[in-house]
PDB file of N, CA and C in Angstrom:
ATOM      1  N   MET A   1      95.383 245.999  47.916  1.00  0.00           N
ATOM      2  CA  MET A   1      94.170 245.183  48.474  1.00  0.00           C
ATOM      3  C   MET A   1      94.648 243.624  48.646  1.00  0.00           C
ATOM      4  N   VAL A   2      93.994 242.819  49.838  1.00  0.00           N
ATOM      5  CA  VAL A   2      94.325 241.529  49.984  1.00  0.00           C
ATOM      6  C   VAL A   2      93.018 240.787  49.638  1.00  0.00           C
ATOM      7  N   ASP A   3      93.169 239.572  49.338  1.00  0.00           N
ATOM      8  CA  ASP A   3      92.224 238.522  49.298  1.00  0.00           C
ATOM      9  C   ASP A   3      91.431 238.538  50.410  1.00  0.00           C
ATOM     10  N   LYS A   4      90.275 238.321  50.528  1.00  0.00           N
ATOM     11  CA  LYS A   4      89.155 238.055  51.438  1.00  0.00           C
ATOM     12  C   LYS A   4      89.279 236.770  52.267  1.00  0.00           C
ATOM     13  N   ILE A   5      89.370 236.918  53.767  1.00  0.00           N
ATOM     14  CA  ILE A   5      89.080 235.787  54.011  1.00  0.00           C
ATOM     15  C   ILE A   5      87.957 235.806  55.191  1.00  0.00           C
ATOM     16  N   SER A   6      87.402 234.638  55.445  1.00  0.00           N
ATOM     17  CA  SER A   6      85.857 234.379  56.155  1.00  0.00           C
ATOM     18  C   SER A   6      86.144 235.064  57.473  1.00  0.00           C
ATOM     19  N   TYR A   7      85.293 235.654  57.976  1.00  0.00           N
ATOM     20  CA  TYR A   7      85.074 236.075  59.373  1.00  0.00           C
ATOM     21  C   TYR A   7      85.546 235.027  60.336  1.00  0.00           C
ATOM     22  N   SER A   8      84.853 233.875  60.293  1.00  0.00           N
ATOM     23  CA  SER A   8      85.327 232.774  61.120  1.00  0.00           C
ATOM     24  C   SER A   8      86.873 232.319  61.305  1.00  0.00           C
ATOM     25  N   GLU A   9      87.361 232.358  59.878  1.00  0.00           N
ATOM     26  CA  GLU A   9      88.657 232.246  59.743  1.00  0.00           C
ATOM     27  C   GLU A   9      89.786 233.374  60.445  1.00  0.00           C
ATOM     28  N   PHE A  10      89.235 234.474  60.217  1.00  0.00           N
ATOM     29  CA  PHE A  10      89.943 235.714  61.054  1.00  0.00           C
ATOM     30  C   PHE A  10      89.781 235.524  62.579  1.00  0.00           C
ATOM     31  N   ILE A  11      88.563 235.364  62.981  1.00  0.00           N
ATOM     32  CA  ILE A  11      88.396 235.112  64.557  1.00  0.00           C
ATOM     33  C   ILE A  11      89.131 234.163  65.217  1.00  0.00           C
ATOM     34  N   THR A  12      89.296 232.801  64.394  1.00  0.00           N
ATOM     35  CA  THR A  12      89.934 231.829  64.758  1.00  0.00           C
ATOM     36  C   THR A  12      91.463 232.214  64.866  1.00  0.00           C
ATOM     37  N   GLY A  13      91.967 232.690  63.834  1.00  0.00           N
ATOM     38  CA  GLY A  13      93.371 233.037  63.838  1.00  0.00           C
ATOM     39  C   GLY A  13      93.812 234.397  64.574  1.00  0.00           C
ATOM     40  N   ILE A  14      92.965 235.310  64.999  1.00  0.00           N
ATOM     41  CA  ILE A  14      93.408 236.307  65.730  1.00  0.00           C
ATOM     42  C   ILE A  14      93.408 235.965  67.102  1.00  0.00           C
ATOM     43  N   ASN A  15      92.496 234.790  67.522  1.00  0.00           N
ATOM     44  CA  ASN A  15      92.470 234.133  68.975  1.00  0.00           C
ATOM     45  C   ASN A  15      93.458 233.325  68.935  1.00  0.00           C
ATOM     46  N   ASN A  16      93.977 232.401  68.157  1.00  0.00           N
ATOM     47  CA  ASN A  16      94.969 231.427  68.317  1.00  0.00           C
ATOM     48  C   ASN A  16      96.400 231.623  67.998  1.00  0.00           C
ATOM     49  N   GLY A  17      96.679 233.177  67.335  1.00  0.00           N
ATOM     50  CA  GLY A  17      97.891 233.772  67.198  1.00  0.00           C
ATOM     51  C   GLY A  17      98.408 233.426  65.803  1.00  0.00           C
ATOM     52  N   SER A  18      97.499 232.653  64.952  1.00  0.00           N
ATOM     53  CA  SER A  18      97.865 232.486  63.628  1.00  0.00           C
ATOM     54  C   SER A  18      98.008 233.804  62.588  1.00  0.00           C
ATOM     55  N   ILE A  19      97.194 234.579  63.272  1.00  0.00           N
ATOM     56  CA  ILE A  19      96.776 235.996  62.329  1.00  0.00           C
ATOM     57  C   ILE A  19      97.397 237.144  63.414  1.00  0.00           C
ATOM     58  N   GLU A  20      98.517 237.793  63.089  1.00  0.00           N
ATOM     59  CA  GLU A  20      98.767 238.983  63.818  1.00  0.00           C
ATOM     60  C   GLU A  20      98.200 240.389  63.757  1.00  0.00           C
ATOM     61  N   LEU A  21      97.853 240.678  62.435  1.00  0.00           N
ATOM     62  CA  LEU A  21      97.380 241.974  62.352  1.00  0.00           C
ATOM     63  C   LEU A  21      96.271 241.792  61.061  1.00  0.00           C
ATOM     64  N   ILE A  22      95.266 242.778  61.122  1.00  0.00           N
ATOM     65  CA  ILE A  22      94.595 243.012  59.894  1.00  0.00           C
ATOM     66  C   ILE A  22      94.432 244.492  59.946  1.00  0.00           C
ATOM     67  N   ARG A  23      94.565 245.194  58.761  1.00  0.00           N
ATOM     68  CA  ARG A  23      94.285 246.588  58.583  1.00  0.00           C
ATOM     69  C   ARG A  23      93.235 246.479  57.626  1.00  0.00           C
ATOM     70  N   PHE A  24      92.054 247.545  57.582  1.00  0.00           N
ATOM     71  CA  PHE A  24      90.945 247.408  56.579  1.00  0.00           C
ATOM     72  C   PHE A  24      90.229 248.478  56.712  1.00  0.00           C
ATOM     73  N   SER A  25      89.221 248.877  55.675  1.00  0.00           N
ATOM     74  CA  SER A  25      88.683 249.967  55.519  1.00  0.00           C
ATOM     75  C   SER A  25      86.969 249.270  55.705  1.00  0.00           C
ATOM     76  N   VAL A  26      86.161 250.212  56.002  1.00  0.00           N
ATOM     77  CA  VAL A  26      84.820 249.947  55.759  1.00  0.00           C
ATOM     78  C   VAL A  26      84.118 250.617  54.648  1.00  0.00           C
ATOM     79  N   GLU A  27      83.799 249.939  53.814  1.00  0.00           N
ATOM     80  CA  GLU A  27      83.330 250.374  52.396  1.00  0.00           C
ATOM     81  C   GLU A  27      81.931 251.407  52.564  1.00  0.00           C
ATOM     82  N   GLY A  28      82.270 252.669  51.885  1.00  0.00           N
ATOM     83  CA  GLY A  28      81.191 253.442  51.890  1.00  0.00           C
ATOM     84  C   GLY A  28      80.877 254.359  53.267  1.00  0.00           C
ATOM     85  N   TYR A  29      82.122 254.112  54.134  1.00  0.00           N
ATOM     86  CA  TYR A  29      81.783 255.141  55.285  1.00  0.00           C
ATOM     87  C   TYR A  29      83.497 255.357  55.635  1.00  0.00           C
ATOM     88  N   SER A  30      83.856 256.626  55.094  1.00  0.00           N
ATOM     89  CA  SER A  30      85.219 257.147  55.222  1.00  0.00           C
ATOM     90  C   SER A  30      85.848 257.311  56.798  1.00  0.00           C
ATOM     91  N   HIS A  31      84.856 257.373  57.608  1.00  0.00           N
ATOM     92  CA  HIS A  31      85.290 257.535  59.246  1.00  0.00           C
ATOM     93  C   HIS A  31      86.121 256.117  59.438  1.00  0.00           C
ATOM     94  N   TYR A  32      85.580 255.105  58.970  1.00  0.00           N
ATOM     95  CA  TYR A  32      86.533 254.081  59.321  1.00  0.00           C
ATOM     96  C   TYR A  32      87.188 253.474  58.156  1.00  0.00           C
ATOM     97  N   ASN A  33      88.351 254.259  57.441  1.00  0.00           N
ATOM     98  CA  ASN A  33      89.082 253.935  56.618  1.00  0.00           C
ATOM     99  C   ASN A  33      90.577 253.536  56.729  1.00  0.00           C
ATOM    100  N   ASN A  34      90.662 253.452  58.103  1.00  0.00           N
ATOM    101  CA  ASN A  34      92.198 252.852  58.359  1.00  0.00           C
ATOM    102  C   ASN A  34      92.057 252.137  59.789  1.00  0.00           C
ATOM    103  N   CYS A  35      91.378 251.048  59.938  1.00  0.00           N
ATOM    104  CA  CYS A  35      91.245 250.400  61.131  1.00  0.00           C
ATOM    105  C   CYS A  35      92.307 249.359  61.164  1.00  0.00           C
ATOM    106  N   ILE A  36      92.570 248.897  62.468  1.00  0.00           N
ATOM    107  CA  ILE A  36      93.371 247.941  62.652  1.00  0.00           C
ATOM    108  C   ILE A  36      93.066 247.029  63.808  1.00  0.00           C
ATOM    109  N   ILE A  37      93.117 245.692  63.710  1.00  0.00           N
ATOM    110  CA  ILE A  37      93.119 244.762  64.859  1.00  0.00           C
ATOM    111  C   ILE A  37      94.339 244.081  65.060  1.00  0.00           C
ATOM    112  N   LYS A  38      95.050 244.163  66.080  1.00  0.00           N
ATOM    113  CA  LYS A  38      96.356 243.165  66.065  1.00  0.00           C
ATOM    114  C   LYS A  38      96.380 242.474  67.358  1.00  0.00           C
ATOM    115  N   ARG A  39      97.226 241.686  67.248  1.00  0.00           N
ATOM    116  CA  ARG A  39      97.374 240.718  68.439  1.00  0.00           C
ATOM    117  C   ARG A  39      98.847 241.092  69.111  1.00  0.00           C
ATOM    118  N   ILE A  40      98.846 241.254  70.517  1.00  0.00           N
ATOM    119  CA  ILE A  40     100.094 241.839  70.874  1.00  0.00           C
ATOM    120  C   ILE A  40     100.443 240.763  72.159  1.00  0.00           C
ATOM    121  N   VAL A  41     101.673 240.263  71.780  1.00  0.00           N
ATOM    122  CA  VAL A  41     102.002 239.242  73.068  1.00  0.00           C
ATOM    123  C   VAL A  41     103.237 239.897  73.549  1.00  0.00           C
ATOM    124  N   ASP A  42     103.163 239.857  75.163  1.00  0.00           N
ATOM    125  CA  ASP A  42     104.139 240.388  75.862  1.00  0.00           C
ATOM    126  C   ASP A  42     104.601 239.390  77.005  1.00  0.00           C
ATOM    127  N   LYS A  43     105.900 239.079  76.850  1.00  0.00           N
ATOM    128  CA  LYS A  43     106.595 238.207  77.591  1.00  0.00           C
ATOM    129  C   LYS A  43     106.611 238.917  79.071  1.00  0.00           C
ATOM    130  N   LEU A  44     106.259 238.199  80.083  1.00  0.00           N
ATOM    131  CA  LEU A  44     106.494 238.816  81.470  1.00  0.00           C
ATOM    132  C   LEU A  44     107.670 238.010  81.913  1.00  0.00           C
ATOM    133  N   SER A  45     107.899 238.965  82.978  1.00  0.00           N
ATOM    134  CA  SER A  45     109.357 238.459  83.720  1.00  0.00           C
ATOM    135  C   SER A  45     109.427 237.238  84.283  1.00  0.00           C
ATOM    136  N   ASN A  46     108.188 236.722  84.627  1.00  0.00           N
ATOM    137  CA  ASN A  46     107.873 235.404  85.236  1.00  0.00           C
ATOM    138  C   ASN A  46     108.002 234.273  84.312  1.00  0.00           C
ATOM    139  N   GLY A  47     108.166 234.571  82.888  1.00  0.00           N
ATOM    140  CA  GLY A  47     108.108 233.674  81.980  1.00  0.00           C
ATOM    141  C   GLY A  47     106.714 233.427  81.165  1.00  0.00           C
ATOM    142  N   ASN A  48     105.808 233.948  81.903  1.00  0.00           N
ATOM    143  CA  ASN A  48     104.264 233.831  81.207  1.00  0.00           C
ATOM    144  C   ASN A  48     104.325 234.812  80.105  1.00  0.00           C
ATOM    145  N   GLU A  49     103.107 234.732  79.359  1.00  0.00           N
ATOM    146  CA  GLU A  49     102.775 235.734  78.396  1.00  0.00           C
ATOM    147  C   GLU A  49     101.453 236.153  78.633  1.00  0.00           C
ATOM    148  N   ALA A  50     101.098 237.497  78.250  1.00  0.00           N
ATOM    149  CA  ALA A  50     100.273 238.477  78.203  1.00  0.00           C
ATOM    150  C   ALA A  50      99.669 238.602  76.706  1.00  0.00           C
ATOM    151  N   VAL A  51      98.500 238.319  76.365  1.00  0.00           N
ATOM    152  CA  VAL A  51      98.064 238.256  75.188  1.00  0.00           C
ATOM    153  C   VAL A  51      97.019 239.263  75.065  1.00  0.00           C
ATOM    154  N   ILE A  52      97.008 240.355  74.176  1.00  0.00           N
ATOM    155  CA  ILE A  52      96.220 241.548  74.223  1.00  0.00           C
ATOM    156  C   ILE A  52      95.734 241.572  72.601  1.00  0.00           C
ATOM    157  N   ILE A  53      94.447 241.760  72.284  1.00  0.00           N
ATOM    158  CA  ILE A  53      94.111 241.931  71.162  1.00  0.00           C
ATOM    159  C   ILE A  53      93.576 243.310  70.992  1.00  0.00           C
ATOM    160  N   ARG A  54      94.399 244.074  70.516  1.00  0.00           N
ATOM    161  CA  ARG A  54      94.103 245.720  70.268  1.00  0.00           C
ATOM    162  C   ARG A  54      93.038 245.898  68.984  1.00  0.00           C
ATOM    163  N   VAL A  55      92.243 246.886  69.154  1.00  0.00           N
ATOM    164  CA  VAL A  55      91.520 247.243  68.185  1.00  0.00           C
ATOM    165  C   VAL A  55      91.446 248.720  68.090  1.00  0.00           C
ATOM    166  N   ASP A  56      92.026 249.338  67.106  1.00  0.00           N
ATOM    167  CA  ASP A  56      92.039 250.912  66.746  1.00  0.00           C
ATOM    168  C   ASP A  56      91.244 251.188  65.604  1.00  0.00           C
ATOM    169  N   LEU A  57      90.054 251.613  65.863  1.00  0.00           N
ATOM    170  CA  LEU A  57      89.181 251.853  64.658  1.00  0.00           C
ATOM    171  C   LEU A  57      89.483 253.378  63.914  1.00  0.00           C
ATOM    172  N   VAL A  58      90.030 254.071  64.586  1.00  0.00           N
ATOM    173  CA  VAL A  58      90.447 255.429  63.862  1.00  0.00           C
ATOM    174  C   VAL A  58      91.849 255.756  64.310  1.00  0.00           C
ATOM    175  N   THR A  59      92.510 256.611  63.619  1.00  0.00           N
ATOM    176  CA  THR A  59      93.937 256.794  63.711  1.00  0.00           C
ATOM    177  C   THR A  59      94.059 257.640  65.038  1.00  0.00           C
ATOM    178  N   ASP A  60      93.378 258.589  65.634  1.00  0.00           N
ATOM    179  CA  ASP A  60      93.358 259.257  66.551  1.00  0.00           C
ATOM    180  C   ASP A  60      93.177 258.329  67.992  1.00  0.00           C
ATOM    181  N   LEU A  61      92.872 257.141  67.716  1.00  0.00           N
ATOM    182  CA  LEU A  61      92.837 256.382  68.955  1.00  0.00           C
ATOM    183  C   LEU A  61      91.669 256.725  69.864  1.00  0.00           C
ATOM    184  N   THR A  62      90.479 257.492  69.316  1.00  0.00           N
ATOM    185  CA  THR A  62      89.389 257.704  70.189  1.00  0.00           C
ATOM    186  C   THR A  62      88.325 256.646  70.227  1.00  0.00           C
ATOM    187  N   GLU A  63      88.516 255.664  69.301  1.00  0.00           N
ATOM    188  CA  GLU A  63      87.671 254.654  69.251  1.00  0.00           C
ATOM    189  C   GLU A  63      88.632 253.224  69.155  1.00  0.00           C
ATOM    190  N   SER A  64      89.299 252.872  70.402  1.00  0.00           N
ATOM    191  CA  SER A  64      90.009 251.975  70.588  1.00  0.00           C
ATOM    192  C   SER A  64      89.722 251.051  71.763  1.00  0.00           C
ATOM    193  N   ILE A  65      89.874 249.851  71.653  1.00  0.00           N
ATOM    194  CA  ILE A  65      89.485 248.867  72.820  1.00  0.00           C
ATOM    195  C   ILE A  65      90.426 247.973  72.792  1.00  0.00           C
ATOM    196  N   SER A  66      90.782 247.419  74.037  1.00  0.00           N
ATOM    197  CA  SER A  66      91.536 245.783  73.852  1.00  0.00           C
ATOM    198  C   SER A  66      90.933 244.669  74.638  1.00  0.00           C
ATOM    199  N   PHE A  67      91.150 243.566  74.125  1.00  0.00           N
ATOM    200  CA  PHE A  67      90.491 242.321  74.887  1.00  0.00           C
ATOM    201  C   PHE A  67      91.673 241.594  75.455  1.00  0.00           C
ATOM    202  N   TYR A  68      91.494 240.752  76.511  1.00  0.00           N
ATOM    203  CA  TYR A  68      92.410 240.035  76.972  1.00  0.00           C
ATOM    204  C   TYR A  68      92.345 238.726  76.324  1.00  0.00           C
ATOM    205  N   ARG A  69      93.296 238.080  75.740  1.00  0.00           N
ATOM    206  CA  ARG A  69      93.342 236.656  75.111  1.00  0.00           C
ATOM    207  C   ARG A  69      92.417 236.566  74.107  1.00  0.00           C
ATOM    208  N   LYS A  70      90.957 236.743  74.054  1.00  0.00           N
ATOM    209  CA  LYS A  70      90.084 236.566  72.965  1.00  0.00           C
ATOM    210  C   LYS A  70      89.170 237.617  72.686  1.00  0.00           C
ATOM    211  N   PHE A  71      89.012 237.804  71.234  1.00  0.00           N
ATOM    212  CA  PHE A  71      88.237 238.881  70.707  1.00  0.00           C
ATOM    213  C   PHE A  71      86.799 238.613  71.287  1.00  0.00           C
ATOM    214  N   LYS A  72      86.193 239.701  71.537  1.00  0.00           N
ATOM    215  CA  LYS A  72      84.912 239.605  72.227  1.00  0.00           C
ATOM    216  C   LYS A  72      84.055 240.047  70.873  1.00  0.00           C
ATOM    217  N   GLU A  73      83.554 239.061  70.418  1.00  0.00           N
ATOM    218  CA  GLU A  73      82.768 238.902  69.176  1.00  0.00           C
ATOM    219  C   GLU A  73      81.333 239.797  69.326  1.00  0.00           C
ATOM    220  N   GLU A  74      80.637 239.733  70.262  1.00  0.00           N
ATOM    221  CA  GLU A  74      79.373 240.410  70.649  1.00  0.00           C
ATOM    222  C   GLU A  74      79.629 241.872  70.860  1.00  0.00           C
ATOM    223  N   LEU A  75      80.529 242.452  70.862  1.00  0.00           N
ATOM    224  CA  LEU A  75      80.841 243.947  71.237  1.00  0.00           C
ATOM    225  C   LEU A  75      80.337 244.897  69.840  1.00  0.00           C
ATOM    226  N   LYS A  76      79.639 245.626  70.168  1.00  0.00           N
ATOM    227  CA  LYS A  76      79.195 246.520  68.867  1.00  0.00           C
ATOM    228  C   LYS A  76      79.984 247.727  68.936  1.00  0.00           C
ATOM    229  N   MET A  77      81.092 247.872  68.218  1.00  0.00           N
ATOM    230  CA  MET A  77      82.137 248.751  68.230  1.00  0.00           C
ATOM    231  C   MET A  77      82.153 249.814  67.396  1.00  0.00           C
ATOM    232  N   PHE A  78      81.490 249.327  66.309  1.00  0.00           N
ATOM    233  CA  PHE A  78      81.497 250.282  65.205  1.00  0.00           C
ATOM    234  C   PHE A  78      79.951 251.176  65.287  1.00  0.00           C
ATOM    235  N   ASN A  79      80.410 252.626  65.482  1.00  0.00           N
ATOM    236  CA  ASN A  79      79.158 253.308  65.681  1.00  0.00           C
ATOM    237  C   ASN A  79      78.846 254.107  64.254  1.00  0.00           C
ATOM    238  N   PHE A  80      77.771 253.716  63.774  1.00  0.00           N
ATOM    239  CA  PHE A  80      77.281 254.194  62.369  1.00  0.00           C
ATOM    240  C   PHE A  80      76.010 255.219  62.488  1.00  0.00           C
ATOM    241  N   GLY A  81      76.253 256.150  63.582  1.00  0.00           N
ATOM    242  CA  GLY A  81      75.102 257.053  64.038  1.00  0.00           C
ATOM    243  C   GLY A  81      73.570 256.595  63.971  1.00  0.00           C
ATOM    244  N   ARG A  82      72.771 257.098  62.985  1.00  0.00           N
ATOM    245  CA  ARG A  82      71.445 256.846  62.950  1.00  0.00           C
ATOM    246  C   ARG A  82      71.227 255.372  62.492  1.00  0.00           C
ATOM    247  N   LYS A  83      72.308 254.633  61.874  1.00  0.00           N
ATOM    248  CA  LYS A  83      72.245 253.398  61.642  1.00  0.00           C
ATOM    249  C   LYS A  83      72.365 252.350  62.919  1.00  0.00           C
ATOM    250  N   GLY A  84      72.918 253.229  63.878  1.00  0.00           N
ATOM    251  CA  GLY A  84      73.268 252.361  65.163  1.00  0.00           C
ATOM    252  C   GLY A  84      74.660 251.659  65.279  1.00  0.00           C
ATOM    253  N   LYS A  85      74.998 250.997  66.222  1.00  0.00           N
ATOM    254  CA  LYS A  85      76.176 250.328  66.474  1.00  0.00           C
ATOM    255  C   LYS A  85      76.132 248.758  65.984  1.00  0.00           C
ATOM    256  N   LEU A  86      77.315 248.407  65.309  1.00  0.00           N
ATOM    257  CA  LEU A  86      77.302 247.213  64.719  1.00  0.00           C
ATOM    258  C   LEU A  86      78.677 246.581  65.327  1.00  0.00           C
ATOM    259  N   THR A  87      78.537 245.038  65.056  1.00  0.00           N
ATOM    260  CA  THR A  87      79.690 244.485  65.513  1.00  0.00           C
ATOM    261  C   THR A  87      80.883 244.265  64.173  1.00  0.00           C
ATOM    262  N   LEU A  88      81.836 243.707  64.468  1.00  0.00           N
ATOM    263  CA  LEU A  88      82.766 243.343  63.512  1.00  0.00           C
ATOM    264  C   LEU A  88      81.910 242.340  62.320  1.00  0.00           C
ATOM    265  N   LYS A  89      81.299 241.488  62.883  1.00  0.00           N
ATOM    266  CA  LYS A  89      80.595 240.220  62.101  1.00  0.00           C
ATOM    267  C   LYS A  89      79.620 240.998  61.428  1.00  0.00           C
ATOM    268  N   GLU A  90      78.875 241.881  61.600  1.00  0.00           N
ATOM    269  CA  GLU A  90      77.979 242.768  60.941  1.00  0.00           C
ATOM    270  C   GLU A  90      78.389 243.358  60.013  1.00  0.00           C
ATOM    271  N   VAL A  91      79.772 244.085  60.059  1.00  0.00           N
ATOM    272  CA  VAL A  91      80.197 245.001  58.875  1.00  0.00           C
ATOM    273  C   VAL A  91      81.146 244.108  58.139  1.00  0.00           C
ATOM    274  N   TRP A  92      81.484 242.779  58.444  1.00  0.00           N
ATOM    275  CA  TRP A  92      82.721 242.009  57.667  1.00  0.00           C
ATOM    276  C   TRP A  92      82.386 242.145  56.278  1.00  0.00           C
ATOM    277  N   GLU A  93      81.264 242.107  55.710  1.00  0.00           N
ATOM    278  CA  GLU A  93      81.072 241.931  54.183  1.00  0.00           C
ATOM    279  C   GLU A  93      81.339 243.373  53.545  1.00  0.00           C
ATOM    280  N   LYS A  94      81.466 244.344  54.311  1.00  0.00           N
ATOM    281  CA  LYS A  94      81.541 245.657  53.700  1.00  0.00           C
ATOM    282  C   LYS A  94      83.205 246.206  54.050  1.00  0.00           C
ATOM    283  N   MET A  95      83.964 245.302  54.649  1.00  0.00           N
ATOM    284  CA  MET A  95      85.232 245.432  54.811  1.00  0.00           C
ATOM    285  C   MET A  95      86.334 245.247  53.477  1.00  0.00           C
ATOM    286  N   ILE A  96      86.884 246.045  53.448  1.00  0.00           N
ATOM    287  CA  ILE A  96      87.904 246.207  52.217  1.00  0.00           C
ATOM    288  C   ILE A  96      89.447 246.007  52.999  1.00  0.00           C
ATOM    289  N   ILE A  97      89.853 244.753  52.962  1.00  0.00           N
ATOM    290  CA  ILE A  97      91.298 244.506  53.655  1.00  0.00           C
ATOM    291  C   ILE A  97      92.397 244.997  52.885  1.00  0.00           C
ATOM    292  N   ILE A  98      93.225 245.780  53.569  1.00  0.00           N
ATOM    293  CA  ILE A  98      94.123 246.359  53.188  1.00  0.00           C
ATOM    294  C   ILE A  98      95.405 245.615  53.484  1.00  0.00           C
ATOM    295  N   GLU A  99      95.638 245.132  54.767  1.00  0.00           N
ATOM    296  CA  GLU A  99      96.833 244.330  54.976  1.00  0.00           C
ATOM    297  C   GLU A  99      96.415 243.079  55.802  1.00  0.00           C
ATOM    298  N   LEU A 100      97.139 241.869  55.528  1.00  0.00           N
ATOM    299  CA  LEU A 100      96.811 240.905  56.717  1.00  0.00           C
ATOM    300  C   LEU A 100      98.185 240.110  56.837  1.00  0.00           C
ATOM    301  N   ASN A 101      98.302 240.188  58.025  1.00  0.00           N
ATOM    302  CA  ASN A 101      99.829 239.539  58.557  1.00  0.00           C
ATOM    303  C   ASN A 101      99.564 238.352  59.273  1.00  0.00           C
ATOM    304  N   TYR A 102     100.065 237.417  58.816  1.00  0.00           N
ATOM    305  CA  TYR A 102     100.153 236.005  59.472  1.00  0.00           C
ATOM    306  C   TYR A 102     101.339 236.024  60.474  1.00  0.00           C
ATOM    307  N   HIS A 103     101.217 235.038  61.449  1.00  0.00           N
ATOM    308  CA  HIS A 103     102.352 234.871  62.241  1.00  0.00           C
ATOM    309  C   HIS A 103     103.274 233.963  61.442  1.00  0.00           C
ATOM    310  N   LYS A 104     104.672 234.493  61.529  1.00  0.00           N
ATOM    311  CA  LYS A 104     105.766 233.790  60.746  1.00  0.00           C
ATOM    312  C   LYS A 104     105.785 232.206  60.792  1.00  0.00           C
ATOM    313  N   ASN A 105     105.438 231.697  62.083  1.00  0.00           N
ATOM    314  CA  ASN A 105     105.545 230.202  62.367  1.00  0.00           C
ATOM    315  C   ASN A 105     104.198 229.585  61.550  1.00  0.00           C
ATOM    316  N   SER A 106     103.349 230.442  61.201  1.00  0.00           N
ATOM    317  CA  SER A 106     101.840 229.715  60.788  1.00  0.00           C
ATOM    318  C   SER A 106     102.095 229.027  59.485  1.00  0.00           C
TER     319      SER A 106
END
C-alpha cells in the first residue's frame, strides 16, 4: 500500500504529467479492486504529442474511458448500483492506493 495523496494533488499531477499512473481499490466494494488511471503520451510523426488519460475501473475493460489532455472530474464513472453513480472525488476517501508512479523527471 502507498501513502495517500490528496485528490487535488492527484488531479494536478495526472493533468500536468508529474503523475503517470495510480492503481487503487475502493474499500468495501470488491468490484473495484484493481482500478487504474494512467497518463499516456504518444509522440506523433509531426513532432506533436497526443496526451490521453486512460481510466480502467475493472480488468475486463468493460468500464473504461479515456480523456484527451485533462481528467474530466465531473464524470460519474463508478456505478454503485442502488447507491448510484459517483465521481472519483466522491470515492477518494474510500480509495486504497496500491501503486502510484510519478514521472521520472518530476
